[in-house]
PDB file of N, CA and C in Angstrom:
ATOM      1  N   MET A   1    -291.137 -99.802  41.338  1.00  0.00           N
ATOM      2  CA  MET A   1    -289.860-100.022  41.977  1.00  0.00           C
ATOM      3  C   MET A   1    -290.070-100.586  43.372  1.00  0.00           C
ATOM      4  N   LEU A   2    -289.201-101.426  43.757  1.00  0.00           N
ATOM      5  CA  LEU A   2    -289.255-101.969  45.105  1.00  0.00           C
ATOM      6  C   LEU A   2    -288.689-100.973  46.104  1.00  0.00           C
ATOM      7  N   THR A   3    -289.106-101.117  47.346  1.00  0.00           N
ATOM      8  CA  THR A   3    -288.633-100.213  48.391  1.00  0.00           C
ATOM      9  C   THR A   3    -287.124-100.307  48.571  1.00  0.00           C
ATOM     10  N   GLY A   4    -286.570-101.502  48.446  1.00  0.00           N
ATOM     11  CA  GLY A   4    -285.127-101.683  48.577  1.00  0.00           C
ATOM     12  C   GLY A   4    -284.345-100.948  47.490  1.00  0.00           C
ATOM     13  N   GLU A   5    -284.886-100.959  46.274  1.00  0.00           N
ATOM     14  CA  GLU A   5    -284.219-100.248  45.179  1.00  0.00           C
ATOM     15  C   GLU A   5    -284.247 -98.743  45.403  1.00  0.00           C
ATOM     16  N   ILE A   6    -285.376 -98.244  45.882  1.00  0.00           N
ATOM     17  CA  ILE A   6    -285.487 -96.805  46.149  1.00  0.00           C
ATOM     18  C   ILE A   6    -284.527 -96.394  47.258  1.00  0.00           C
ATOM     19  N   LEU A   7    -284.453 -97.199  48.316  1.00  0.00           N
ATOM     20  CA  LEU A   7    -283.522 -96.886  49.402  1.00  0.00           C
ATOM     21  C   LEU A   7    -282.075 -96.910  48.928  1.00  0.00           C
ATOM     22  N   LEU A   8    -281.747 -97.851  48.057  1.00  0.00           N
ATOM     23  CA  LEU A   8    -280.389 -97.913  47.516  1.00  0.00           C
ATOM     24  C   LEU A   8    -280.079 -96.671  46.677  1.00  0.00           C
ATOM     25  N   LEU A   9    -281.032 -96.233  45.857  1.00  0.00           N
ATOM     26  CA  LEU A   9    -280.823 -95.029  45.045  1.00  0.00           C
ATOM     27  C   LEU A   9    -280.677 -93.784  45.913  1.00  0.00           C
ATOM     28  N   VAL A  10    -281.489 -93.687  46.960  1.00  0.00           N
ATOM     29  CA  VAL A  10    -281.370 -92.543  47.872  1.00  0.00           C
ATOM     30  C   VAL A  10    -280.026 -92.587  48.590  1.00  0.00           C
ATOM     31  N   PHE A  11    -279.589 -93.762  48.998  1.00  0.00           N
ATOM     32  CA  PHE A  11    -278.299 -93.914  49.660  1.00  0.00           C
ATOM     33  C   PHE A  11    -277.155 -93.455  48.753  1.00  0.00           C
ATOM     34  N   VAL A  12    -277.179 -93.897  47.501  1.00  0.00           N
ATOM     35  CA  VAL A  12    -276.130 -93.494  46.553  1.00  0.00           C
ATOM     36  C   VAL A  12    -276.162 -91.989  46.332  1.00  0.00           C
ATOM     37  N   PHE A  13    -277.350 -91.403  46.240  1.00  0.00           N
ATOM     38  CA  PHE A  13    -277.472 -89.959  46.043  1.00  0.00           C
ATOM     39  C   PHE A  13    -276.895 -89.190  47.229  1.00  0.00           C
ATOM     40  N   VAL A  14    -277.207 -89.624  48.435  1.00  0.00           N
ATOM     41  CA  VAL A  14    -276.711 -88.944  49.632  1.00  0.00           C
ATOM     42  C   VAL A  14    -275.190 -89.072  49.736  1.00  0.00           C
ATOM     43  N   ILE A  15    -274.664 -90.256  49.490  1.00  0.00           N
ATOM     44  CA  ILE A  15    -273.207 -90.445  49.535  1.00  0.00           C
ATOM     45  C   ILE A  15    -272.517 -89.587  48.468  1.00  0.00           C
ATOM     46  N   ALA A  16    -273.098 -89.527  47.271  1.00  0.00           N
ATOM     47  CA  ALA A  16    -272.516 -88.688  46.207  1.00  0.00           C
ATOM     48  C   ALA A  16    -272.535 -87.219  46.603  1.00  0.00           C
ATOM     49  N   GLY A  17    -273.600 -86.789  47.270  1.00  0.00           N
ATOM     50  CA  GLY A  17    -273.664 -85.403  47.735  1.00  0.00           C
ATOM     51  C   GLY A  17    -272.588 -85.092  48.758  1.00  0.00           C
ATOM     52  N   PHE A  18    -272.432 -85.981  49.750  1.00  0.00           N
ATOM     53  CA  PHE A  18    -271.387 -85.773  50.754  1.00  0.00           C
ATOM     54  C   PHE A  18    -269.996 -85.795  50.122  1.00  0.00           C
ATOM     55  N   LEU A  19    -269.767 -86.707  49.200  1.00  0.00           N
ATOM     56  CA  LEU A  19    -268.478 -86.789  48.531  1.00  0.00           C
ATOM     57  C   LEU A  19    -268.200 -85.530  47.714  1.00  0.00           C
ATOM     58  N   GLY A  20    -269.214 -85.031  47.013  1.00  0.00           N
ATOM     59  CA  GLY A  20    -269.046 -83.806  46.229  1.00  0.00           C
ATOM     60  C   GLY A  20    -268.700 -82.609  47.091  1.00  0.00           C
ATOM     61  N   VAL A  21    -269.395 -82.451  48.216  1.00  0.00           N
ATOM     62  CA  VAL A  21    -269.105 -81.342  49.123  1.00  0.00           C
ATOM     63  C   VAL A  21    -267.689 -81.468  49.685  1.00  0.00           C
ATOM     64  N   GLU A  22    -267.323 -82.675  50.050  1.00  0.00           N
ATOM     65  CA  GLU A  22    -265.982 -82.894  50.611  1.00  0.00           C
ATOM     66  C   GLU A  22    -264.893 -82.593  49.574  1.00  0.00           C
ATOM     67  N   LEU A  23    -265.094 -83.024  48.349  1.00  0.00           N
ATOM     68  CA  LEU A  23    -264.095 -82.777  47.304  1.00  0.00           C
ATOM     69  C   LEU A  23    -263.978 -81.298  46.966  1.00  0.00           C
ATOM     70  N   ILE A  24    -265.100 -80.626  46.809  1.00  0.00           N
ATOM     71  CA  ILE A  24    -265.070 -79.208  46.440  1.00  0.00           C
ATOM     72  C   ILE A  24    -264.473 -78.367  47.553  1.00  0.00           C
ATOM     73  N   SER A  25    -264.718 -78.729  48.809  1.00  0.00           N
ATOM     74  CA  SER A  25    -264.174 -77.941  49.920  1.00  0.00           C
ATOM     75  C   SER A  25    -262.652 -78.063  50.010  1.00  0.00           C
ATOM     76  N   LYS A  26    -262.070 -79.111  49.433  1.00  0.00           N
ATOM     77  CA  LYS A  26    -260.620 -79.307  49.484  1.00  0.00           C
ATOM     78  C   LYS A  26    -259.879 -78.638  48.328  1.00  0.00           C
ATOM     79  N   VAL A  27    -260.606 -78.126  47.337  1.00  0.00           N
ATOM     80  CA  VAL A  27    -259.975 -77.506  46.166  1.00  0.00           C
ATOM     81  C   VAL A  27    -259.609 -76.063  46.503  1.00  0.00           C
ATOM     82  N   PRO A  28    -258.370 -75.661  46.280  1.00  0.00           N
ATOM     83  CA  PRO A  28    -257.996 -74.267  46.523  1.00  0.00           C
ATOM     84  C   PRO A  28    -258.758 -73.317  45.594  1.00  0.00           C
ATOM     85  N   SER A  29    -258.955 -72.100  46.055  1.00  0.00           N
ATOM     86  CA  SER A  29    -259.751 -71.145  45.275  1.00  0.00           C
ATOM     87  C   SER A  29    -259.106 -70.818  43.925  1.00  0.00           C
ATOM     88  N   GLN A  30    -257.779 -70.923  43.815  1.00  0.00           N
ATOM     89  CA  GLN A  30    -257.109 -70.636  42.548  1.00  0.00           C
ATOM     90  C   GLN A  30    -257.453 -71.672  41.489  1.00  0.00           C
ATOM     91  N   LEU A  31    -257.778 -72.885  41.908  1.00  0.00           N
ATOM     92  CA  LEU A  31    -258.073 -73.953  40.952  1.00  0.00           C
ATOM     93  C   LEU A  31    -259.565 -74.150  40.721  1.00  0.00           C
ATOM     94  N   HIS A  32    -260.393 -73.492  41.506  1.00  0.00           N
ATOM     95  CA  HIS A  32    -261.826 -73.765  41.440  1.00  0.00           C
ATOM     96  C   HIS A  32    -262.415 -73.411  40.083  1.00  0.00           C
ATOM     97  N   THR A  33    -262.106 -72.231  39.550  1.00  0.00           N
ATOM     98  CA  THR A  33    -262.699 -71.813  38.279  1.00  0.00           C
ATOM     99  C   THR A  33    -262.180 -72.630  37.102  1.00  0.00           C
ATOM    100  N   PRO A  34    -260.880 -72.927  36.993  1.00  0.00           N
ATOM    101  CA  PRO A  34    -260.457 -73.800  35.887  1.00  0.00           C
ATOM    102  C   PRO A  34    -261.085 -75.193  35.956  1.00  0.00           C
ATOM    103  N   LEU A  35    -261.253 -75.719  37.154  1.00  0.00           N
ATOM    104  CA  LEU A  35    -261.911 -77.016  37.274  1.00  0.00           C
ATOM    105  C   LEU A  35    -263.378 -76.923  36.882  1.00  0.00           C
ATOM    106  N   MET A  36    -264.005 -75.789  37.187  1.00  0.00           N
ATOM    107  CA  MET A  36    -265.409 -75.616  36.844  1.00  0.00           C
ATOM    108  C   MET A  36    -265.590 -75.569  35.336  1.00  0.00           C
ATOM    109  N   SER A  37    -264.644 -74.977  34.628  1.00  0.00           N
ATOM    110  CA  SER A  37    -264.765 -74.950  33.172  1.00  0.00           C
ATOM    111  C   SER A  37    -264.662 -76.358  32.599  1.00  0.00           C
ATOM    112  N   GLY A  38    -263.897 -77.213  33.258  1.00  0.00           N
ATOM    113  CA  GLY A  38    -263.818 -78.602  32.807  1.00  0.00           C
ATOM    114  C   GLY A  38    -265.090 -79.380  33.086  1.00  0.00           C
ATOM    115  N   THR A  39    -265.781 -79.022  34.148  1.00  0.00           N
ATOM    116  CA  THR A  39    -267.023 -79.727  34.469  1.00  0.00           C
ATOM    117  C   THR A  39    -268.180 -79.286  33.594  1.00  0.00           C
ATOM    118  N   ASN A  40    -268.008 -78.229  32.818  1.00  0.00           N
ATOM    119  CA  ASN A  40    -269.072 -77.835  31.890  1.00  0.00           C
ATOM    120  C   ASN A  40    -269.330 -78.928  30.863  1.00  0.00           C
ATOM    121  N   ALA A  41    -268.305 -79.664  30.484  1.00  0.00           N
ATOM    122  CA  ALA A  41    -268.496 -80.780  29.558  1.00  0.00           C
ATOM    123  C   ALA A  41    -269.362 -81.861  30.196  1.00  0.00           C
ATOM    124  N   ILE A  42    -269.169 -82.086  31.487  1.00  0.00           N
ATOM    125  CA  ILE A  42    -269.997 -83.070  32.193  1.00  0.00           C
ATOM    126  C   ILE A  42    -271.446 -82.596  32.242  1.00  0.00           C
ATOM    127  N   SER A  43    -271.648 -81.305  32.455  1.00  0.00           N
ATOM    128  CA  SER A  43    -273.008 -80.785  32.465  1.00  0.00           C
ATOM    129  C   SER A  43    -273.646 -80.890  31.089  1.00  0.00           C
ATOM    130  N   GLY A  44    -272.850 -80.764  30.042  1.00  0.00           N
ATOM    131  CA  GLY A  44    -273.372 -80.969  28.693  1.00  0.00           C
ATOM    132  C   GLY A  44    -273.857 -82.395  28.505  1.00  0.00           C
ATOM    133  N   ILE A  45    -273.130 -83.343  29.065  1.00  0.00           N
ATOM    134  CA  ILE A  45    -273.555 -84.738  29.003  1.00  0.00           C
ATOM    135  C   ILE A  45    -274.837 -84.929  29.819  1.00  0.00           C
ATOM    136  N   THR A  46    -274.950 -84.205  30.926  1.00  0.00           N
ATOM    137  CA  THR A  46    -276.163 -84.261  31.737  1.00  0.00           C
ATOM    138  C   THR A  46    -277.371 -83.771  30.947  1.00  0.00           C
ATOM    139  N   ILE A  47    -277.184 -82.729  30.153  1.00  0.00           N
ATOM    140  CA  ILE A  47    -278.281 -82.219  29.330  1.00  0.00           C
ATOM    141  C   ILE A  47    -278.728 -83.286  28.329  1.00  0.00           C
ATOM    142  N   VAL A  48    -277.780 -83.952  27.703  1.00  0.00           N
ATOM    143  CA  VAL A  48    -278.132 -85.009  26.747  1.00  0.00           C
ATOM    144  C   VAL A  48    -278.895 -86.127  27.447  1.00  0.00           C
ATOM    145  N   GLY A  49    -278.443 -86.531  28.627  1.00  0.00           N
ATOM    146  CA  GLY A  49    -279.146 -87.565  29.384  1.00  0.00           C
ATOM    147  C   GLY A  49    -280.537 -87.123  29.804  1.00  0.00           C
ATOM    148  N   ALA A  50    -280.679 -85.870  30.208  1.00  0.00           N
ATOM    149  CA  ALA A  50    -281.992 -85.362  30.611  1.00  0.00           C
ATOM    150  C   ALA A  50    -282.944 -85.286  29.424  1.00  0.00           C
ATOM    151  N   ILE A  51    -282.423 -84.923  28.259  1.00  0.00           N
ATOM    152  CA  ILE A  51    -283.266 -84.876  27.063  1.00  0.00           C
ATOM    153  C   ILE A  51    -283.749 -86.270  26.697  1.00  0.00           C
ATOM    154  N   SER A  52    -282.851 -87.237  26.745  1.00  0.00           N
ATOM    155  CA  SER A  52    -283.263 -88.594  26.388  1.00  0.00           C
ATOM    156  C   SER A  52    -284.227 -89.169  27.426  1.00  0.00           C
ATOM    157  N   ALA A  53    -284.013 -88.887  28.714  1.00  0.00           N
ATOM    158  CA  ALA A  53    -284.937 -89.361  29.749  1.00  0.00           C
ATOM    159  C   ALA A  53    -286.307 -88.709  29.608  1.00  0.00           C
ATOM    160  N   THR A  54    -286.323 -87.432  29.248  1.00  0.00           N
ATOM    161  CA  THR A  54    -287.592 -86.746  29.044  1.00  0.00           C
ATOM    162  C   THR A  54    -288.316 -87.298  27.831  1.00  0.00           C
ATOM    163  N   ALA A  55    -287.580 -87.622  26.790  1.00  0.00           N
ATOM    164  CA  ALA A  55    -288.202 -88.206  25.596  1.00  0.00           C
ATOM    165  C   ALA A  55    -288.842 -89.548  25.915  1.00  0.00           C
ATOM    166  N   VAL A  56    -288.166 -90.359  26.697  1.00  0.00           N
ATOM    167  CA  VAL A  56    -288.743 -91.651  27.096  1.00  0.00           C
ATOM    168  C   VAL A  56    -289.980 -91.425  27.958  1.00  0.00           C
ATOM    169  N   ALA A  57    -289.920 -90.455  28.869  1.00  0.00           N
ATOM    170  CA  ALA A  57    -291.063 -90.177  29.738  1.00  0.00           C
ATOM    171  C   ALA A  57    -292.260 -89.693  28.929  1.00  0.00           C
ATOM    172  N   LEU A  58    -292.020 -88.873  27.924  1.00  0.00           N
ATOM    173  CA  LEU A  58    -293.121 -88.398  27.090  1.00  0.00           C
ATOM    174  C   LEU A  58    -293.697 -89.523  26.243  1.00  0.00           C
ATOM    175  N   HIS A  59    -292.849 -90.441  25.829  1.00  0.00           N
ATOM    176  CA  HIS A  59    -293.300 -91.569  25.009  1.00  0.00           C
ATOM    177  C   HIS A  59    -294.145 -92.543  25.814  1.00  0.00           C
ATOM    178  N   THR A  60    -293.849 -92.671  27.098  1.00  0.00           N
ATOM    179  CA  THR A  60    -294.584 -93.608  27.958  1.00  0.00           C
ATOM    180  C   THR A  60    -295.662 -92.914  28.781  1.00  0.00           C
ATOM    181  N   ASP A  61    -295.963 -91.676  28.486  1.00  0.00           N
ATOM    182  CA  ASP A  61    -296.996 -90.896  29.169  1.00  0.00           C
ATOM    183  C   ASP A  61    -296.749 -90.753  30.669  1.00  0.00           C
ATOM    184  N   GLY A  62    -295.507 -90.588  31.051  1.00  0.00           N
ATOM    185  CA  GLY A  62    -295.165 -90.356  32.459  1.00  0.00           C
ATOM    186  C   GLY A  62    -295.124 -88.862  32.726  1.00  0.00           C
ATOM    187  N   VAL A  63    -296.185 -88.316  33.319  1.00  0.00           N
ATOM    188  CA  VAL A  63    -296.284 -86.876  33.524  1.00  0.00           C
ATOM    189  C   VAL A  63    -295.252 -86.399  34.546  1.00  0.00           C
ATOM    190  N   VAL A  64    -295.147 -87.084  35.669  1.00  0.00           N
ATOM    191  CA  VAL A  64    -294.191 -86.675  36.704  1.00  0.00           C
ATOM    192  C   VAL A  64    -292.761 -86.809  36.176  1.00  0.00           C
ATOM    193  N   SER A  65    -292.492 -87.878  35.446  1.00  0.00           N
ATOM    194  CA  SER A  65    -291.154 -88.069  34.872  1.00  0.00           C
ATOM    195  C   SER A  65    -290.837 -86.987  33.846  1.00  0.00           C
ATOM    196  N   ALA A  66    -291.834 -86.592  33.069  1.00  0.00           N
ATOM    197  CA  ALA A  66    -291.618 -85.529  32.079  1.00  0.00           C
ATOM    198  C   ALA A  66    -291.325 -84.200  32.764  1.00  0.00           C
ATOM    199  N   ILE A  67    -292.014 -83.913  33.845  1.00  0.00           N
ATOM    200  CA  ILE A  67    -291.770 -82.668  34.591  1.00  0.00           C
ATOM    201  C   ILE A  67    -290.377 -82.687  35.213  1.00  0.00           C
ATOM    202  N   CYS A  68    -290.000 -83.813  35.811  1.00  0.00           N
ATOM    203  CA  CYS A  68    -288.657 -83.930  36.391  1.00  0.00           C
ATOM    204  C   CYS A  68    -287.583 -83.840  35.313  1.00  0.00           C
ATOM    205  N   GLY A  69    -287.828 -84.432  34.161  1.00  0.00           N
ATOM    206  CA  GLY A  69    -286.876 -84.350  33.050  1.00  0.00           C
ATOM    207  C   GLY A  69    -286.713 -82.940  32.541  1.00  0.00           C
ATOM    208  N   PHE A  70    -287.827 -82.223  32.421  1.00  0.00           N
ATOM    209  CA  PHE A  70    -287.761 -80.830  31.974  1.00  0.00           C
ATOM    210  C   PHE A  70    -286.987 -79.981  32.989  1.00  0.00           C
ATOM    211  N   ALA A  71    -287.237 -80.210  34.281  1.00  0.00           N
ATOM    212  CA  ALA A  71    -286.503 -79.478  35.317  1.00  0.00           C
ATOM    213  C   ALA A  71    -285.007 -79.798  35.238  1.00  0.00           C
ATOM    214  N   ALA A  72    -284.678 -81.057  34.950  1.00  0.00           N
ATOM    215  CA  ALA A  72    -283.260 -81.438  34.818  1.00  0.00           C
ATOM    216  C   ALA A  72    -282.621 -80.732  33.635  1.00  0.00           C
ATOM    217  N   ILE A  73    -283.347 -80.624  32.530  1.00  0.00           N
ATOM    218  CA  ILE A  73    -282.812 -79.923  31.350  1.00  0.00           C
ATOM    219  C   ILE A  73    -282.550 -78.460  31.679  1.00  0.00           C
ATOM    220  N   VAL A  74    -283.519 -77.815  32.326  1.00  0.00           N
ATOM    221  CA  VAL A  74    -283.377 -76.392  32.650  1.00  0.00           C
ATOM    222  C   VAL A  74    -282.220 -76.164  33.621  1.00  0.00           C
ATOM    223  N   LEU A  75    -282.143 -76.961  34.676  1.00  0.00           N
ATOM    224  CA  LEU A  75    -281.085 -76.765  35.669  1.00  0.00           C
ATOM    225  C   LEU A  75    -279.695 -77.049  35.096  1.00  0.00           C
ATOM    226  N   ALA A  76    -279.575 -78.079  34.269  1.00  0.00           N
ATOM    227  CA  ALA A  76    -278.273 -78.368  33.649  1.00  0.00           C
ATOM    228  C   ALA A  76    -277.877 -77.264  32.675  1.00  0.00           C
ATOM    229  N   ALA A  77    -278.857 -76.720  31.951  1.00  0.00           N
ATOM    230  CA  ALA A  77    -278.552 -75.620  31.023  1.00  0.00           C
ATOM    231  C   ALA A  77    -278.099 -74.379  31.783  1.00  0.00           C
ATOM    232  N   ILE A  78    -278.751 -74.089  32.904  1.00  0.00           N
ATOM    233  CA  ILE A  78    -278.321 -72.951  33.733  1.00  0.00           C
ATOM    234  C   ILE A  78    -276.897 -73.169  34.231  1.00  0.00           C
ATOM    235  N   ASN A  79    -276.586 -74.398  34.625  1.00  0.00           N
ATOM    236  CA  ASN A  79    -275.245 -74.721  35.114  1.00  0.00           C
ATOM    237  C   ASN A  79    -274.194 -74.525  34.022  1.00  0.00           C
ATOM    238  N   VAL A  80    -274.500 -74.975  32.810  1.00  0.00           N
ATOM    239  CA  VAL A  80    -273.541 -74.834  31.707  1.00  0.00           C
ATOM    240  C   VAL A  80    -273.324 -73.366  31.365  1.00  0.00           C
ATOM    241  N   VAL A  81    -274.403 -72.611  31.213  1.00  0.00           N
ATOM    242  CA  VAL A  81    -274.280 -71.195  30.852  1.00  0.00           C
ATOM    243  C   VAL A  81    -273.553 -70.423  31.948  1.00  0.00           C
ATOM    244  N   GLY A  82    -273.920 -70.665  33.200  1.00  0.00           N
ATOM    245  CA  GLY A  82    -273.239 -69.982  34.306  1.00  0.00           C
ATOM    246  C   GLY A  82    -271.765 -70.330  34.374  1.00  0.00           C
ATOM    247  N   GLY A  83    -271.442 -71.584  34.136  1.00  0.00           N
ATOM    248  CA  GLY A  83    -270.037 -71.992  34.153  1.00  0.00           C
ATOM    249  C   GLY A  83    -269.230 -71.309  33.065  1.00  0.00           C
ATOM    250  N   TYR A  84    -269.810 -71.223  31.863  1.00  0.00           N
ATOM    251  CA  TYR A  84    -269.093 -70.552  30.786  1.00  0.00           C
ATOM    252  C   TYR A  84    -268.967 -69.052  31.037  1.00  0.00           C
ATOM    253  N   LEU A  85    -269.971 -68.439  31.644  1.00  0.00           N
ATOM    254  CA  LEU A  85    -269.865 -67.011  31.946  1.00  0.00           C
ATOM    255  C   LEU A  85    -268.784 -66.747  32.992  1.00  0.00           C
ATOM    256  N   VAL A  86    -268.721 -67.587  34.010  1.00  0.00           N
ATOM    257  CA  VAL A  86    -267.690 -67.417  35.039  1.00  0.00           C
ATOM    258  C   VAL A  86    -266.301 -67.660  34.451  1.00  0.00           C
ATOM    259  N   THR A  87    -266.187 -68.668  33.599  1.00  0.00           N
ATOM    260  CA  THR A  87    -264.894 -68.956  32.962  1.00  0.00           C
ATOM    261  C   THR A  87    -264.464 -67.804  32.071  1.00  0.00           C
ATOM    262  N   ASP A  88    -265.404 -67.247  31.315  1.00  0.00           N
ATOM    263  CA  ASP A  88    -265.087 -66.107  30.451  1.00  0.00           C
ATOM    264  C   ASP A  88    -264.643 -64.910  31.278  1.00  0.00           C
ATOM    265  N   ARG A  89    -265.314 -64.692  32.381  1.00  0.00           N
ATOM    266  CA  ARG A  89    -264.935 -63.573  33.254  1.00  0.00           C
ATOM    267  C   ARG A  89    -263.539 -63.800  33.834  1.00  0.00           C
ATOM    268  N   MET A  90    -263.250 -65.048  34.229  1.00  0.00           N
ATOM    269  CA  MET A  90    -261.937 -65.355  34.780  1.00  0.00           C
ATOM    270  C   MET A  90    -260.847 -65.132  33.738  1.00  0.00           C
ATOM    271  N   LEU A  91    -261.092 -65.610  32.511  1.00  0.00           N
ATOM    272  CA  LEU A  91    -260.096 -65.422  31.462  1.00  0.00           C
ATOM    273  C   LEU A  91    -259.930 -63.948  31.109  1.00  0.00           C
ATOM    274  N   GLY A  92    -260.996 -63.167  31.240  1.00  0.00           N
ATOM    275  CA  GLY A  92    -260.908 -61.730  31.001  1.00  0.00           C
ATOM    276  C   GLY A  92    -260.026 -61.021  32.009  1.00  0.00           C
ATOM    277  N   MET A  93    -259.900 -61.577  33.195  1.00  0.00           N
ATOM    278  CA  MET A  93    -259.038 -60.969  34.212  1.00  0.00           C
ATOM    279  C   MET A  93    -257.562 -61.104  33.856  1.00  0.00           C
ATOM    280  N   PHE A  94    -257.211 -62.051  32.993  1.00  0.00           N
ATOM    281  CA  PHE A  94    -255.820 -62.259  32.623  1.00  0.00           C
ATOM    282  C   PHE A  94    -255.410 -61.478  31.377  1.00  0.00           C
ATOM    283  N   LYS A  95    -256.351 -60.790  30.741  1.00  0.00           N
ATOM    284  CA  LYS A  95    -256.025 -60.003  29.552  1.00  0.00           C
ATOM    285  C   LYS A  95    -255.338 -58.706  29.960  1.00  0.00           C
ATOM    286  N   LYS A  96    -254.461 -58.252  29.086  1.00  0.00           N
ATOM    287  CA  LYS A  96    -253.833 -56.953  29.313  1.00  0.00           C
ATOM    288  C   LYS A  96    -254.812 -55.860  28.927  1.00  0.00           C
ATOM    289  N   LYS A  97    -254.600 -54.672  29.419  1.00  0.00           N
ATOM    290  CA  LYS A  97    -255.537 -53.581  29.151  1.00  0.00           C
ATOM    291  C   LYS A  97    -255.601 -53.218  27.681  1.00  0.00           C
ATOM    292  N   GLY A  98    -254.539 -53.382  26.938  1.00  0.00           N
ATOM    293  CA  GLY A  98    -254.522 -53.035  25.520  1.00  0.00           C
ATOM    294  C   GLY A  98    -255.052 -54.146  24.617  1.00  0.00           C
ATOM    295  N   ASP A  99    -255.366 -55.313  25.177  1.00  0.00           N
ATOM    296  CA  ASP A  99    -255.822 -56.455  24.377  1.00  0.00           C
ATOM    297  C   ASP A  99    -257.329 -56.495  24.181  1.00  0.00           C
ATOM    298  N   ASP A 100    -258.045 -55.423  24.495  1.00  0.00           N
ATOM    299  CA  ASP A 100    -259.510 -55.416  24.377  1.00  0.00           C
ATOM    300  C   ASP A 100    -259.962 -55.387  22.926  1.00  0.00           C
ATOM    301  N   LYS A 101    -259.082 -55.025  21.999  1.00  0.00           N
ATOM    302  CA  LYS A 101    -259.449 -54.957  20.578  1.00  0.00           C
ATOM    303  C   LYS A 101    -259.583 -56.363  20.010  1.00  0.00           C
ATOM    304  N   LYS A 102    -260.587 -56.560  19.175  1.00  0.00           N
ATOM    305  CA  LYS A 102    -260.780 -57.876  18.560  1.00  0.00           C
ATOM    306  C   LYS A 102    -260.656 -57.792  17.067  1.00  0.00           C
TER     307      LYS A 102
END
């Protein structure tokens, strides 16, 4: 990769980080958990992308790329599971006391 391409990728990453922090800080706390449950689908797409990137890295013998891909898979999976657990807990707060029977 050329130095200019790397700088452009770092620039986009930094801008995306600032934009994400700015957007999340503006969301009221009442809407944060429902929005997080919607972003679990995006994290699922991230897992698929990380799996395919890791497969390409393993096919081309890229050790560092394979390690980064594996880390991406693990972190995205943690994000999805944590999001679903928080969403389940939030939905449990809206149940009536007598609705615990399944």
